[in-house]
């Protein structure tokens, strides 16, 4: 499964969050790419894993626990047609 994780950070914590995201150890899931973006979110991470539960665990126990991450939104990639 593939998901896009939209990450919002608190003011002044953006660089620290990026460093912490680089240190997230891949278990069943991994962060394939991380882009800084403009708009309401600061980063978009592309995450791959075997199941929705595994991706949810990475988001809640890995990404969401990083100091400076204030909010995440997870968007699952789906096949259409």
N, C-alpha and C. Protein backbone atom coordinates (compact mmCIF):
# COMPACT_ATOMS: atom_id res chain seq x y z
N UNK A 1 0.83 -1.18 0.00
CA UNK A 1 0.00 0.00 0.00
C UNK A 1 0.88 1.25 0.00
N UNK A 2 0.33 2.29 -0.57
CA UNK A 2 1.04 3.56 -0.63
C UNK A 2 0.15 4.64 -0.05
N UNK A 3 0.76 5.54 0.71
CA UNK A 3 0.01 6.65 1.29
C UNK A 3 0.83 7.92 1.23
N UNK A 4 0.13 9.03 1.18
CA UNK A 4 0.75 10.35 1.26
C UNK A 4 0.42 10.89 2.64
N UNK A 5 1.44 11.25 3.40
CA UNK A 5 1.23 11.77 4.74
C UNK A 5 1.57 13.26 4.71
N UNK A 6 0.55 14.08 4.95
CA UNK A 6 0.70 15.53 4.98
C UNK A 6 1.06 15.91 6.41
N UNK A 7 2.16 16.62 6.57
CA UNK A 7 2.70 16.89 7.90
C UNK A 7 2.76 18.39 8.15
N UNK A 8 2.15 18.79 9.26
CA UNK A 8 2.20 20.19 9.68
C UNK A 8 3.11 20.28 10.90
N UNK A 9 3.96 21.31 10.93
CA UNK A 9 4.89 21.47 12.05
C UNK A 9 4.64 22.79 12.76
N UNK A 10 5.09 22.88 13.99
CA UNK A 10 4.97 24.13 14.73
C UNK A 10 6.07 25.09 14.29
N UNK A 11 5.84 26.36 14.49
CA UNK A 11 6.78 27.40 14.08
C UNK A 11 8.16 27.17 14.69
N UNK A 12 9.17 27.26 13.84
CA UNK A 12 10.55 27.11 14.30
C UNK A 12 11.03 25.67 14.43
N UNK A 13 10.17 24.71 14.15
CA UNK A 13 10.53 23.30 14.32
C UNK A 13 10.70 22.55 12.99
N UNK A 14 10.52 23.23 11.89
CA UNK A 14 10.49 22.57 10.59
C UNK A 14 11.79 21.82 10.28
N UNK A 15 12.94 22.44 10.51
CA UNK A 15 14.21 21.78 10.22
C UNK A 15 14.44 20.60 11.15
N UNK A 16 14.09 20.75 12.42
CA UNK A 16 14.25 19.65 13.37
C UNK A 16 13.37 18.46 13.02
N UNK A 17 12.16 18.75 12.54
CA UNK A 17 11.25 17.67 12.13
C UNK A 17 11.84 16.93 10.94
N UNK A 18 12.41 17.66 10.00
CA UNK A 18 13.02 17.01 8.83
C UNK A 18 14.13 16.06 9.26
N UNK A 19 14.98 16.49 10.18
CA UNK A 19 16.07 15.64 10.67
C UNK A 19 15.52 14.40 11.36
N UNK A 20 14.46 14.59 12.15
CA UNK A 20 13.86 13.45 12.86
C UNK A 20 13.19 12.48 11.89
N UNK A 21 12.55 13.00 10.85
CA UNK A 21 11.92 12.13 9.86
C UNK A 21 12.96 11.27 9.14
N UNK A 22 14.13 11.84 8.91
CA UNK A 22 15.21 11.08 8.25
C UNK A 22 15.69 9.93 9.12
N UNK A 23 15.47 10.03 10.42
CA UNK A 23 15.93 9.00 11.36
C UNK A 23 14.86 7.95 11.68
N UNK A 24 13.65 8.13 11.13
CA UNK A 24 12.59 7.14 11.38
C UNK A 24 13.04 5.82 10.76
N UNK A 25 13.16 4.81 11.62
CA UNK A 25 13.66 3.52 11.15
C UNK A 25 12.57 2.76 10.42
N UNK A 26 12.90 2.26 9.24
CA UNK A 26 11.90 1.48 8.53
C UNK A 26 11.68 0.14 9.24
N UNK A 27 10.44 -0.16 9.48
CA UNK A 27 10.07 -1.47 10.00
C UNK A 27 9.36 -2.17 8.87
N UNK A 28 8.08 -2.38 9.05
CA UNK A 28 7.27 -2.93 7.96
C UNK A 28 7.01 -1.87 6.90
N UNK A 29 7.06 -0.62 7.29
CA UNK A 29 6.82 0.50 6.38
C UNK A 29 8.07 1.35 6.26
N UNK A 30 8.12 2.11 5.17
CA UNK A 30 9.25 3.02 4.99
C UNK A 30 8.76 4.32 4.37
N UNK A 31 9.51 5.38 4.65
CA UNK A 31 9.25 6.66 4.01
C UNK A 31 10.07 6.67 2.72
N UNK A 32 9.37 6.62 1.58
CA UNK A 32 10.05 6.59 0.28
C UNK A 32 10.61 7.94 -0.11
N UNK A 33 9.87 9.00 0.17
CA UNK A 33 10.35 10.33 -0.17
C UNK A 33 9.70 11.35 0.77
N UNK A 34 10.36 12.48 0.87
CA UNK A 34 9.88 13.56 1.72
C UNK A 34 10.13 14.87 1.00
N UNK A 35 9.06 15.64 0.80
CA UNK A 35 9.18 16.93 0.12
C UNK A 35 8.65 18.04 1.02
N UNK A 36 9.38 19.14 1.08
CA UNK A 36 8.87 20.35 1.73
C UNK A 36 7.94 21.02 0.72
N UNK A 37 6.81 21.51 1.21
CA UNK A 37 5.81 22.10 0.32
C UNK A 37 5.30 23.42 0.90
N UNK A 38 4.68 24.22 0.05
CA UNK A 38 4.04 25.44 0.51
C UNK A 38 2.57 25.14 0.78
N UNK A 39 1.92 26.01 1.50
CA UNK A 39 0.51 25.80 1.80
C UNK A 39 0.32 25.47 3.27
N UNK A 40 -0.80 24.85 3.62
CA UNK A 40 -1.10 24.60 5.02
C UNK A 40 -0.21 23.54 5.67
N UNK A 41 0.44 22.71 4.87
CA UNK A 41 1.33 21.67 5.41
C UNK A 41 2.77 22.04 5.08
N UNK A 42 3.69 21.47 5.84
CA UNK A 42 5.11 21.76 5.65
C UNK A 42 5.83 20.68 4.86
N UNK A 43 5.37 19.44 5.00
CA UNK A 43 5.99 18.31 4.30
C UNK A 43 4.91 17.36 3.79
N UNK A 44 5.26 16.67 2.70
CA UNK A 44 4.48 15.53 2.25
C UNK A 44 5.44 14.35 2.17
N UNK A 45 5.11 13.30 2.91
CA UNK A 45 5.91 12.08 2.90
C UNK A 45 5.16 11.01 2.12
N UNK A 46 5.88 10.30 1.26
CA UNK A 46 5.32 9.15 0.57
C UNK A 46 5.74 7.92 1.37
N UNK A 47 4.74 7.18 1.85
CA UNK A 47 4.99 6.03 2.72
C UNK A 47 4.48 4.77 2.03
N UNK A 48 5.26 3.69 2.13
CA UNK A 48 4.83 2.40 1.59
C UNK A 48 4.88 1.36 2.68
N UNK A 49 3.89 0.47 2.67
CA UNK A 49 3.84 -0.60 3.65
C UNK A 49 2.87 -1.68 3.23
N UNK A 50 2.91 -2.82 3.92
CA UNK A 50 2.09 -3.95 3.52
C UNK A 50 0.60 -3.82 3.84
N UNK A 51 0.25 -3.01 4.83
CA UNK A 51 -1.17 -2.90 5.20
C UNK A 51 -1.49 -1.52 5.75
N UNK A 52 -2.78 -1.23 5.80
CA UNK A 52 -3.25 0.04 6.37
C UNK A 52 -2.86 0.13 7.83
N UNK A 53 -2.96 -0.96 8.56
CA UNK A 53 -2.58 -0.96 9.98
C UNK A 53 -1.11 -0.62 10.15
N UNK A 54 -0.24 -1.16 9.30
CA UNK A 54 1.19 -0.88 9.40
C UNK A 54 1.48 0.58 9.10
N UNK A 55 0.82 1.13 8.09
CA UNK A 55 1.00 2.55 7.78
C UNK A 55 0.49 3.40 8.93
N UNK A 56 -0.66 3.05 9.48
CA UNK A 56 -1.20 3.77 10.62
C UNK A 56 -0.27 3.75 11.81
N UNK A 57 0.38 2.63 12.03
CA UNK A 57 1.32 2.52 13.14
C UNK A 57 2.52 3.43 12.92
N UNK A 58 3.05 3.47 11.69
CA UNK A 58 4.18 4.35 11.39
C UNK A 58 3.78 5.81 11.61
N UNK A 59 2.59 6.17 11.17
CA UNK A 59 2.14 7.56 11.29
C UNK A 59 1.93 7.94 12.76
N UNK A 60 1.27 7.08 13.52
CA UNK A 60 0.95 7.44 14.91
C UNK A 60 2.13 7.28 15.85
N UNK A 61 2.90 6.21 15.69
CA UNK A 61 3.99 5.94 16.63
C UNK A 61 5.35 6.46 16.15
N UNK A 62 5.46 6.77 14.88
CA UNK A 62 6.72 7.28 14.35
C UNK A 62 6.64 8.76 14.05
N UNK A 63 5.90 9.10 13.01
CA UNK A 63 5.83 10.49 12.55
C UNK A 63 5.12 11.38 13.56
N UNK A 64 3.98 10.96 14.06
CA UNK A 64 3.18 11.78 14.96
C UNK A 64 3.82 12.06 16.31
N UNK A 65 4.78 11.24 16.72
CA UNK A 65 5.44 11.41 18.01
C UNK A 65 6.66 12.34 17.95
N UNK A 66 7.02 12.79 16.77
CA UNK A 66 8.18 13.67 16.61
C UNK A 66 7.87 15.04 17.21
N UNK A 67 8.80 15.55 18.01
CA UNK A 67 8.65 16.88 18.60
C UNK A 67 8.56 17.92 17.49
N UNK A 68 7.49 18.69 17.47
CA UNK A 68 7.30 19.72 16.46
C UNK A 68 6.24 19.35 15.44
N UNK A 69 5.86 18.08 15.35
CA UNK A 69 4.77 17.69 14.44
C UNK A 69 3.46 18.00 15.16
N UNK A 70 2.67 18.88 14.57
CA UNK A 70 1.42 19.28 15.21
C UNK A 70 0.21 18.56 14.65
N UNK A 71 0.31 18.10 13.40
CA UNK A 71 -0.84 17.46 12.76
C UNK A 71 -0.38 16.66 11.56
N UNK A 72 -1.04 15.53 11.33
CA UNK A 72 -0.81 14.76 10.13
C UNK A 72 -2.15 14.42 9.49
N UNK A 73 -2.15 14.29 8.18
CA UNK A 73 -3.30 13.81 7.44
C UNK A 73 -2.78 12.74 6.50
N UNK A 74 -3.37 11.55 6.58
CA UNK A 74 -2.91 10.44 5.75
C UNK A 74 -3.90 10.20 4.62
N UNK A 75 -3.38 10.21 3.39
CA UNK A 75 -4.21 10.00 2.19
C UNK A 75 -3.73 8.72 1.52
N UNK A 76 -4.59 7.71 1.45
CA UNK A 76 -4.21 6.46 0.83
C UNK A 76 -4.30 6.58 -0.69
N UNK A 77 -3.32 6.02 -1.38
CA UNK A 77 -3.36 5.98 -2.83
C UNK A 77 -4.28 4.84 -3.24
N UNK A 78 -5.13 5.09 -4.23
CA UNK A 78 -6.07 4.07 -4.70
C UNK A 78 -5.96 3.94 -6.22
N UNK A 79 -6.34 2.78 -6.71
CA UNK A 79 -6.36 2.55 -8.16
C UNK A 79 -7.77 2.83 -8.66
N UNK A 80 -7.86 3.62 -9.72
CA UNK A 80 -9.17 3.93 -10.30
C UNK A 80 -9.17 3.44 -11.74
N UNK A 81 -10.17 2.65 -12.06
CA UNK A 81 -10.32 2.18 -13.42
C UNK A 81 -9.57 1.01 -13.73
